[in-house]
Amino acid sequence: MDGKITIRVAAIVVDKNKLLLAKHQKGGLTYFVLPGGELEYGEDVMKAAEREVKEETNLVVKAEKIVWIGEFIQKDRHIVDAFVLCKKKSGKLMLGFDPERTNEIVLIEVKFVALSKLRSLKLYPPKIKELLIKRKFPNEIQYLGTYS
């Protein structure tokens, strides 16, 4: 089977019971995701999480630990997601850019959202919503399985 395997790093940044989210608009859909993007060649997962948050939100964070691994598999796409718990260090929140999307604007807003309001949002992947609301971050990496 031909297809591409991508490693995506997603940063979990909780500050004062609010979660940092990136709002995307693509293919007629509007939804939220954790800030993140593709792991670059030669880059480690922790540095990728820090870089992606800086690019998309202007915030400086410190990656602390990988908490979940999950996989999105559909047709010719296979994405391995690494979810990294990060701590906010400095910076002023502002809309940055998504260098992986040079031909279209997908990232339209970045903001902190109260954990209590996550249930009402379209958040991808949906499998992490309850884990985020409950702030259930394991001591060891937890495999979430596959989602589509």
C-alpha atoms as a PDB file:
ATOM      1  CA  MET A   1       0.000   0.000   0.000  1.00  0.00           C
ATOM      2  CA  ASP A   2       1.340   3.402  -0.964  1.00  0.00           C
ATOM      3  CA  GLY A   3       0.889   6.280   1.404  1.00  0.00           C
ATOM      4  CA  LYS A   4       2.704   8.648   3.648  1.00  0.00           C
ATOM      5  CA  ILE A   5       3.389   8.274   7.342  1.00  0.00           C
ATOM      6  CA  THR A   6       3.612  11.564   9.183  1.00  0.00           C
ATOM      7  CA  ILE A   7       4.648  12.195  12.766  1.00  0.00           C
ATOM      8  CA  ARG A   8       2.654  15.093  14.223  1.00  0.00           C
ATOM      9  CA  VAL A   9       3.500  16.692  17.536  1.00  0.00           C
ATOM     10  CA  ALA A  10       0.668  18.329  19.523  1.00  0.00           C
ATOM     11  CA  ALA A  11       1.332  20.574  22.516  1.00  0.00           C
ATOM     12  CA  ILE A  12      -0.887  20.470  25.591  1.00  0.00           C
ATOM     13  CA  VAL A  13      -0.575  23.838  27.323  1.00  0.00           C
ATOM     14  CA  VAL A  14      -2.841  24.348  30.343  1.00  0.00           C
ATOM     15  CA  ASP A  15      -2.649  27.700  32.126  1.00  0.00           C
ATOM     16  CA  LYS A  16      -5.060  28.637  34.942  1.00  0.00           C
ATOM     17  CA  ASN A  17      -7.551  25.886  33.987  1.00  0.00           C
ATOM     18  CA  LYS A  18      -7.547  27.012  30.372  1.00  0.00           C
ATOM     19  CA  LEU A  19      -6.235  25.030  27.413  1.00  0.00           C
ATOM     20  CA  LEU A  20      -4.356  26.578  24.503  1.00  0.00           C
ATOM     21  CA  LEU A  21      -6.120  25.775  21.222  1.00  0.00           C
ATOM     22  CA  ALA A  22      -5.662  26.589  17.561  1.00  0.00           C
ATOM     23  CA  LYS A  23      -8.764  27.198  15.463  1.00  0.00           C
ATOM     24  CA  HIS A  24      -8.566  25.844  11.920  1.00  0.00           C
ATOM     25  CA  GLN A  25     -10.751  26.362   8.884  1.00  0.00           C
ATOM     26  CA  LYS A  26     -10.354  23.847   6.094  1.00  0.00           C
ATOM     27  CA  GLY A  27     -12.606  22.305   3.485  1.00  0.00           C
ATOM     28  CA  GLY A  28     -15.639  24.206   4.733  1.00  0.00           C
ATOM     29  CA  LEU A  29     -15.121  23.001   8.313  1.00  0.00           C
ATOM     30  CA  THR A  30     -14.142  25.005  11.377  1.00  0.00           C
ATOM     31  CA  TYR A  31     -12.634  23.112  14.289  1.00  0.00           C
ATOM     32  CA  PHE A  32     -10.063  23.279  17.071  1.00  0.00           C
ATOM     33  CA  VAL A  33      -6.835  21.347  17.539  1.00  0.00           C
ATOM     34  CA  LEU A  34      -3.944  21.497  19.926  1.00  0.00           C
ATOM     35  CA  PRO A  35      -1.130  23.648  18.535  1.00  0.00           C
ATOM     36  CA  GLY A  36       1.300  21.458  16.659  1.00  0.00           C
ATOM     37  CA  GLY A  37       2.528  20.131  13.387  1.00  0.00           C
ATOM     38  CA  GLU A  38       4.946  17.841  11.637  1.00  0.00           C
ATOM     39  CA  LEU A  39       8.163  16.676  13.208  1.00  0.00           C
ATOM     40  CA  GLU A  40      11.074  17.924  11.115  1.00  0.00           C
ATOM     41  CA  TYR A  41      13.993  15.730  10.127  1.00  0.00           C
ATOM     42  CA  GLY A  42      16.678  15.759  12.839  1.00  0.00           C
ATOM     43  CA  GLU A  43      14.369  17.379  15.401  1.00  0.00           C
ATOM     44  CA  ASP A  44      13.322  15.666  18.619  1.00  0.00           C
ATOM     45  CA  VAL A  45       9.669  15.553  19.672  1.00  0.00           C
ATOM     46  CA  MET A  46      10.118  17.891  22.651  1.00  0.00           C
ATOM     47  CA  LYS A  47      11.817  20.613  20.571  1.00  0.00           C
ATOM     48  CA  ALA A  48       9.137  20.215  17.893  1.00  0.00           C
ATOM     49  CA  ALA A  49       6.388  20.901  20.445  1.00  0.00           C
ATOM     50  CA  GLU A  50       8.173  24.042  21.636  1.00  0.00           C
ATOM     51  CA  ARG A  51       8.807  25.248  18.053  1.00  0.00           C
ATOM     52  CA  GLU A  52       5.238  24.652  16.901  1.00  0.00           C
ATOM     53  CA  VAL A  53       3.753  26.580  19.830  1.00  0.00           C
ATOM     54  CA  LYS A  54       6.103  29.500  19.155  1.00  0.00           C
ATOM     55  CA  GLU A  55       5.276  29.525  15.416  1.00  0.00           C
ATOM     56  CA  GLU A  56       1.514  29.343  15.858  1.00  0.00           C
ATOM     57  CA  THR A  57       0.944  31.364  19.051  1.00  0.00           C
ATOM     58  CA  ASN A  58       4.084  33.426  19.817  1.00  0.00           C
ATOM     59  CA  LEU A  59       4.270  31.768  23.258  1.00  0.00           C
ATOM     60  CA  VAL A  60       7.431  30.232  24.661  1.00  0.00           C
ATOM     61  CA  VAL A  61       6.795  26.899  26.365  1.00  0.00           C
ATOM     62  CA  LYS A  62       8.897  24.184  27.948  1.00  0.00           C
ATOM     63  CA  ALA A  63       8.031  20.665  26.832  1.00  0.00           C
ATOM     64  CA  GLU A  64       7.845  18.456  29.930  1.00  0.00           C
ATOM     65  CA  LYS A  65       6.779  14.980  28.840  1.00  0.00           C
ATOM     66  CA  ILE A  66       5.012  12.932  26.193  1.00  0.00           C
ATOM     67  CA  VAL A  67       1.690  11.783  27.644  1.00  0.00           C
ATOM     68  CA  TRP A  68      -0.152  10.105  24.765  1.00  0.00           C
ATOM     69  CA  ILE A  69       0.517   8.523  21.393  1.00  0.00           C
ATOM     70  CA  GLY A  70      -2.354   8.038  18.960  1.00  0.00           C
ATOM     71  CA  GLU A  71      -2.777   7.195  15.285  1.00  0.00           C
ATOM     72  CA  PHE A  72      -5.033   8.582  12.588  1.00  0.00           C
ATOM     73  CA  ILE A  73      -5.328   6.128   9.712  1.00  0.00           C
ATOM     74  CA  GLN A  74      -7.512   6.805   6.687  1.00  0.00           C
ATOM     75  CA  LYS A  75      -7.097   5.784   3.047  1.00  0.00           C
ATOM     76  CA  ASP A  76      -3.629   6.983   2.016  1.00  0.00           C
ATOM     77  CA  ARG A  77      -2.876   8.904   5.227  1.00  0.00           C
ATOM     78  CA  HIS A  78      -1.262   7.608   8.389  1.00  0.00           C
ATOM     79  CA  ILE A  79      -0.489  10.173  11.089  1.00  0.00           C
ATOM     80  CA  VAL A  80       1.187   9.264  14.351  1.00  0.00           C
ATOM     81  CA  ASP A  81       0.335  11.894  16.969  1.00  0.00           C
ATOM     82  CA  ALA A  82       2.628  12.555  19.937  1.00  0.00           C
ATOM     83  CA  PHE A  83       0.868  14.645  22.603  1.00  0.00           C
ATOM     84  CA  VAL A  84       3.348  16.611  24.705  1.00  0.00           C
ATOM     85  CA  LEU A  85       2.521  18.274  28.009  1.00  0.00           C
ATOM     86  CA  CYS A  86       4.102  21.746  28.044  1.00  0.00           C
ATOM     87  CA  LYS A  87       4.409  24.575  30.537  1.00  0.00           C
ATOM     88  CA  LYS A  88       3.909  28.203  29.481  1.00  0.00           C
ATOM     89  CA  LYS A  89       7.026  30.282  30.119  1.00  0.00           C
ATOM     90  CA  SER A  90       6.610  33.669  28.404  1.00  0.00           C
ATOM     91  CA  GLY A  91       5.335  35.580  25.402  1.00  0.00           C
ATOM     92  CA  LYS A  92       2.178  37.377  24.382  1.00  0.00           C
ATOM     93  CA  LEU A  93      -0.499  35.222  22.778  1.00  0.00           C
ATOM     94  CA  MET A  94      -1.045  36.194  19.156  1.00  0.00           C
ATOM     95  CA  LEU A  95      -1.925  34.469  15.913  1.00  0.00           C
ATOM     96  CA  GLY A  96       1.195  33.161  14.248  1.00  0.00           C
ATOM     97  CA  PHE A  97       1.557  31.077  11.119  1.00  0.00           C
ATOM     98  CA  ASP A  98       1.578  27.495   9.920  1.00  0.00           C
ATOM     99  CA  PRO A  99       4.633  27.016   7.683  1.00  0.00           C
ATOM    100  CA  GLU A 100       3.388  23.572   6.624  1.00  0.00           C
ATOM    101  CA  ARG A 101       0.476  25.317   4.872  1.00  0.00           C
ATOM    102  CA  THR A 102       2.122  27.711   2.452  1.00  0.00           C
ATOM    103  CA  ASN A 103      -0.604  27.550  -0.205  1.00  0.00           C
ATOM    104  CA  GLU A 104      -3.621  28.060   2.065  1.00  0.00           C
ATOM    105  CA  ILE A 105      -4.476  29.728   5.352  1.00  0.00           C
ATOM    106  CA  VAL A 106      -5.824  27.140   7.764  1.00  0.00           C
ATOM    107  CA  LEU A 107      -4.869  28.613  11.140  1.00  0.00           C
ATOM    108  CA  ILE A 108      -7.362  31.410  11.857  1.00  0.00           C
ATOM    109  CA  GLU A 109      -7.237  31.929  15.636  1.00  0.00           C
ATOM    110  CA  VAL A 110      -5.347  30.895  18.771  1.00  0.00           C
ATOM    111  CA  LYS A 111      -6.766  31.229  22.251  1.00  0.00           C
ATOM    112  CA  PHE A 112      -6.996  29.793  25.731  1.00  0.00           C
ATOM    113  CA  VAL A 113     -10.330  28.069  26.356  1.00  0.00           C
ATOM    114  CA  ALA A 114     -11.699  27.095  29.777  1.00  0.00           C
ATOM    115  CA  LEU A 115     -11.478  23.332  30.252  1.00  0.00           C
ATOM    116  CA  SER A 116     -15.150  23.404  31.295  1.00  0.00           C
ATOM    117  CA  LYS A 117     -16.086  24.679  27.794  1.00  0.00           C
ATOM    118  CA  LEU A 118     -14.296  21.972  25.798  1.00  0.00           C
ATOM    119  CA  ARG A 119     -17.368  19.742  25.545  1.00  0.00           C
ATOM    120  CA  SER A 120     -19.127  22.330  23.364  1.00  0.00           C
ATOM    121  CA  LEU A 121     -16.235  22.634  20.900  1.00  0.00           C
ATOM    122  CA  LYS A 122     -15.447  20.609  17.809  1.00  0.00           C
ATOM    123  CA  LEU A 123     -12.009  19.383  18.889  1.00  0.00           C
ATOM    124  CA  TYR A 124      -9.834  16.977  16.924  1.00  0.00           C
ATOM    125  CA  PRO A 125      -9.054  14.268  17.637  1.00  0.00           C
ATOM    126  CA  PRO A 126     -12.295  13.820  19.645  1.00  0.00           C
ATOM    127  CA  LYS A 127     -10.725  10.955  21.596  1.00  0.00           C
ATOM    128  CA  ILE A 128      -8.661  13.379  23.698  1.00  0.00           C
ATOM    129  CA  LYS A 129     -11.494  15.718  24.724  1.00  0.00           C
ATOM    130  CA  GLU A 130     -12.515  13.927  27.947  1.00  0.00           C
ATOM    131  CA  LEU A 131      -8.900  13.257  28.885  1.00  0.00           C
ATOM    132  CA  LEU A 132      -8.153  16.968  28.563  1.00  0.00           C
ATOM    133  CA  ILE A 133     -11.244  18.041  30.516  1.00  0.00           C
ATOM    134  CA  LYS A 134     -10.308  15.712  33.381  1.00  0.00           C
ATOM    135  CA  ARG A 135      -6.615  16.607  33.063  1.00  0.00           C
ATOM    136  CA  LYS A 136      -5.768  12.922  33.144  1.00  0.00           C
ATOM    137  CA  PHE A 137      -2.112  13.021  32.219  1.00  0.00           C
ATOM    138  CA  PRO A 138      -0.454   9.662  32.868  1.00  0.00           C
ATOM    139  CA  ASN A 139       2.975   9.230  34.440  1.00  0.00           C
ATOM    140  CA  GLU A 140       3.963   6.946  31.560  1.00  0.00           C
ATOM    141  CA  ILE A 141       3.139   7.298  27.880  1.00  0.00           C
ATOM    142  CA  GLN A 142      -0.343   5.977  27.139  1.00  0.00           C
ATOM    143  CA  TYR A 143      -1.237   4.568  23.714  1.00  0.00           C
ATOM    144  CA  LEU A 144      -4.665   5.843  22.622  1.00  0.00           C
ATOM    145  CA  GLY A 145      -5.064   3.483  19.682  1.00  0.00           C
ATOM    146  CA  THR A 146      -6.318   4.551  16.276  1.00  0.00           C
ATOM    147  CA  TYR A 147      -8.957   7.087  15.327  1.00  0.00           C
ATOM    148  CA  SER A 148     -10.396   8.296  12.039  1.00  0.00           C
END
